[in-house]
Protein backbone atom coordinates (compact mmCIF):
# COMPACT_ATOMS: atom_id res chain seq x y z
CA MET A 1 2.04 63.19 60.01
CA THR A 2 -1.50 62.58 60.60
CA THR A 3 -4.12 65.45 60.91
CA LEU A 4 -7.28 64.80 62.12
CA PHE A 5 -10.15 67.34 61.14
CA ILE A 6 -13.46 67.45 63.16
CA LEU A 7 -16.11 69.65 61.32
CA ASN A 8 -19.50 70.88 62.93
CA ASP A 9 -21.24 72.99 60.95
CA PRO A 10 -23.72 72.20 58.23
CA ALA A 11 -22.71 71.91 54.56
CA TYR A 12 -24.22 75.32 53.67
CA GLY A 13 -25.18 78.36 55.47
CA THR A 14 -21.65 79.05 57.09
CA GLU A 15 -18.22 78.30 55.43
CA ARG A 16 -16.53 76.45 58.19
CA SER A 17 -16.87 72.92 56.75
CA PHE A 18 -16.15 74.22 53.47
CA ASN A 19 -12.92 75.64 54.74
CA GLY A 20 -12.10 72.74 56.79
CA LEU A 21 -12.72 70.63 53.59
CA ARG A 22 -10.13 72.91 51.72
CA LEU A 23 -7.42 72.85 54.09
CA ALA A 24 -7.60 69.18 54.53
CA LYS A 25 -7.54 68.60 50.46
CA ALA A 26 -4.69 71.07 50.70
CA LEU A 27 -2.76 69.15 53.44
CA GLN A 28 -3.54 65.79 51.10
CA ASN A 29 -1.80 67.30 48.01
CA LYS A 30 1.26 67.70 50.11
CA GLY A 31 1.32 64.13 51.42
CA GLU A 32 -0.20 64.49 54.77
CA SER A 33 -2.44 61.63 56.20
CA VAL A 34 -5.66 63.09 56.83
CA SER A 35 -8.73 61.91 58.68
CA VAL A 36 -12.15 64.05 58.40
CA PHE A 37 -14.99 63.58 61.52
CA LEU A 38 -18.10 65.08 60.56
CA MET A 39 -20.34 65.61 63.48
CA ALA A 40 -23.40 67.65 64.57
CA ASP A 41 -24.72 69.78 61.54
CA ALA A 42 -21.48 68.76 59.50
CA VAL A 43 -23.00 65.19 58.85
CA SER A 44 -24.93 67.07 55.88
CA CYS A 45 -22.00 67.47 53.99
CA ALA A 46 -21.53 64.07 53.19
CA LYS A 47 -25.03 63.49 51.88
CA ALA A 48 -25.13 62.24 48.36
CA GLY A 49 -27.43 63.98 45.66
CA GLN A 50 -26.33 67.33 46.57
CA THR A 51 -27.58 70.24 44.02
CA VAL A 52 -26.07 73.76 44.16
CA PRO A 53 -26.56 76.98 42.14
CA GLN A 54 -24.41 77.07 39.30
CA GLY A 55 -20.99 78.48 40.38
CA TYR A 56 -21.82 77.56 44.10
CA TYR A 57 -19.23 75.13 45.97
CA ASN A 58 -20.68 71.55 46.39
CA LEU A 59 -19.42 69.86 49.48
CA GLU A 60 -20.49 66.37 48.18
CA LEU A 61 -17.91 66.69 45.86
CA MET A 62 -15.22 68.06 48.38
CA VAL A 63 -16.24 65.19 50.51
CA LYS A 64 -15.79 62.68 47.75
CA GLY A 65 -12.24 64.25 46.77
CA VAL A 66 -10.92 64.15 50.48
CA ALA A 67 -12.44 60.37 50.98
CA ARG A 68 -10.28 59.48 47.74
CA LYS A 69 -7.05 59.62 50.04
CA GLY A 70 -8.39 59.61 53.29
CA GLU A 71 -10.77 58.79 56.11
CA MET A 72 -14.31 60.45 56.07
CA LEU A 73 -16.27 59.40 58.92
CA LEU A 74 -19.49 60.53 60.30
CA CYS A 75 -20.89 60.36 64.12
CA GLY A 76 -23.76 57.69 63.84
CA THR A 77 -25.63 59.56 66.62
CA CYS A 78 -25.69 62.64 64.64
CA MET A 79 -26.70 60.80 61.65
CA ASP A 80 -29.80 59.29 63.29
CA ALA A 81 -30.69 62.64 64.85
CA ARG A 82 -30.77 64.59 61.32
CA GLY A 83 -32.50 61.20 59.64
CA ILE A 84 -29.44 60.73 57.47
CA THR A 85 -28.94 57.00 56.65
CA ASP A 86 -26.35 55.08 55.64
CA GLU A 87 -27.48 54.78 52.33
CA GLU A 88 -27.56 58.33 51.47
CA LEU A 89 -23.92 59.14 52.26
CA VAL A 90 -21.53 59.25 49.47
CA GLU A 91 -19.25 57.04 48.52
CA GLY A 92 -16.07 57.03 50.37
CA ALA A 93 -18.06 58.20 53.84
CA ARG A 94 -18.92 55.73 56.55
CA ARG A 95 -20.97 56.06 60.05
CA SER A 96 -18.68 55.91 62.88
CA THR A 97 -18.91 56.35 66.92
CA MET A 98 -17.14 58.46 69.48
CA ASP A 99 -14.86 55.56 70.66
CA GLU A 100 -13.58 55.60 66.88
CA LEU A 101 -13.28 59.43 67.25
CA THR A 102 -11.45 59.09 70.55
CA GLU A 103 -8.87 56.76 68.64
CA ARG A 104 -8.37 58.74 65.79
CA THR A 105 -7.80 61.93 68.49
CA LEU A 106 -5.07 59.99 70.39
CA ALA A 107 -3.47 58.57 67.20
CA ALA A 108 -3.24 62.23 65.48
CA ASP A 109 -0.27 64.44 65.43
CA LYS A 110 -2.59 67.39 64.99
CA VAL A 111 -6.36 67.75 65.45
CA LEU A 112 -8.29 70.87 63.84
CA VAL A 113 -11.69 71.40 64.61
CA PHE A 114 -13.83 73.93 62.50
């Protein structure tokens, strides 16, 4: 089974992206194949060098963890609109396109949107 996650919310300020990544990791731990597509403000989740207060979740670490076993794709248009370059992305994350999101959506057994 393949699950595609589409995340839209920013890294911090809401917990939707946090919860989407938590579920993605949990599914991977059960053997599920996972792809994550970050778009809109969610592209900030894959920005390297995040510093958070002690005891607070760190989306950079979560993105890296999910990317180790699956795909972590980012909307290139959304990255450009927010001034995020390819060089600023965490290891395992990469720029993508709507065409690639379309392909992943058609191929997925399940699509979850956060």
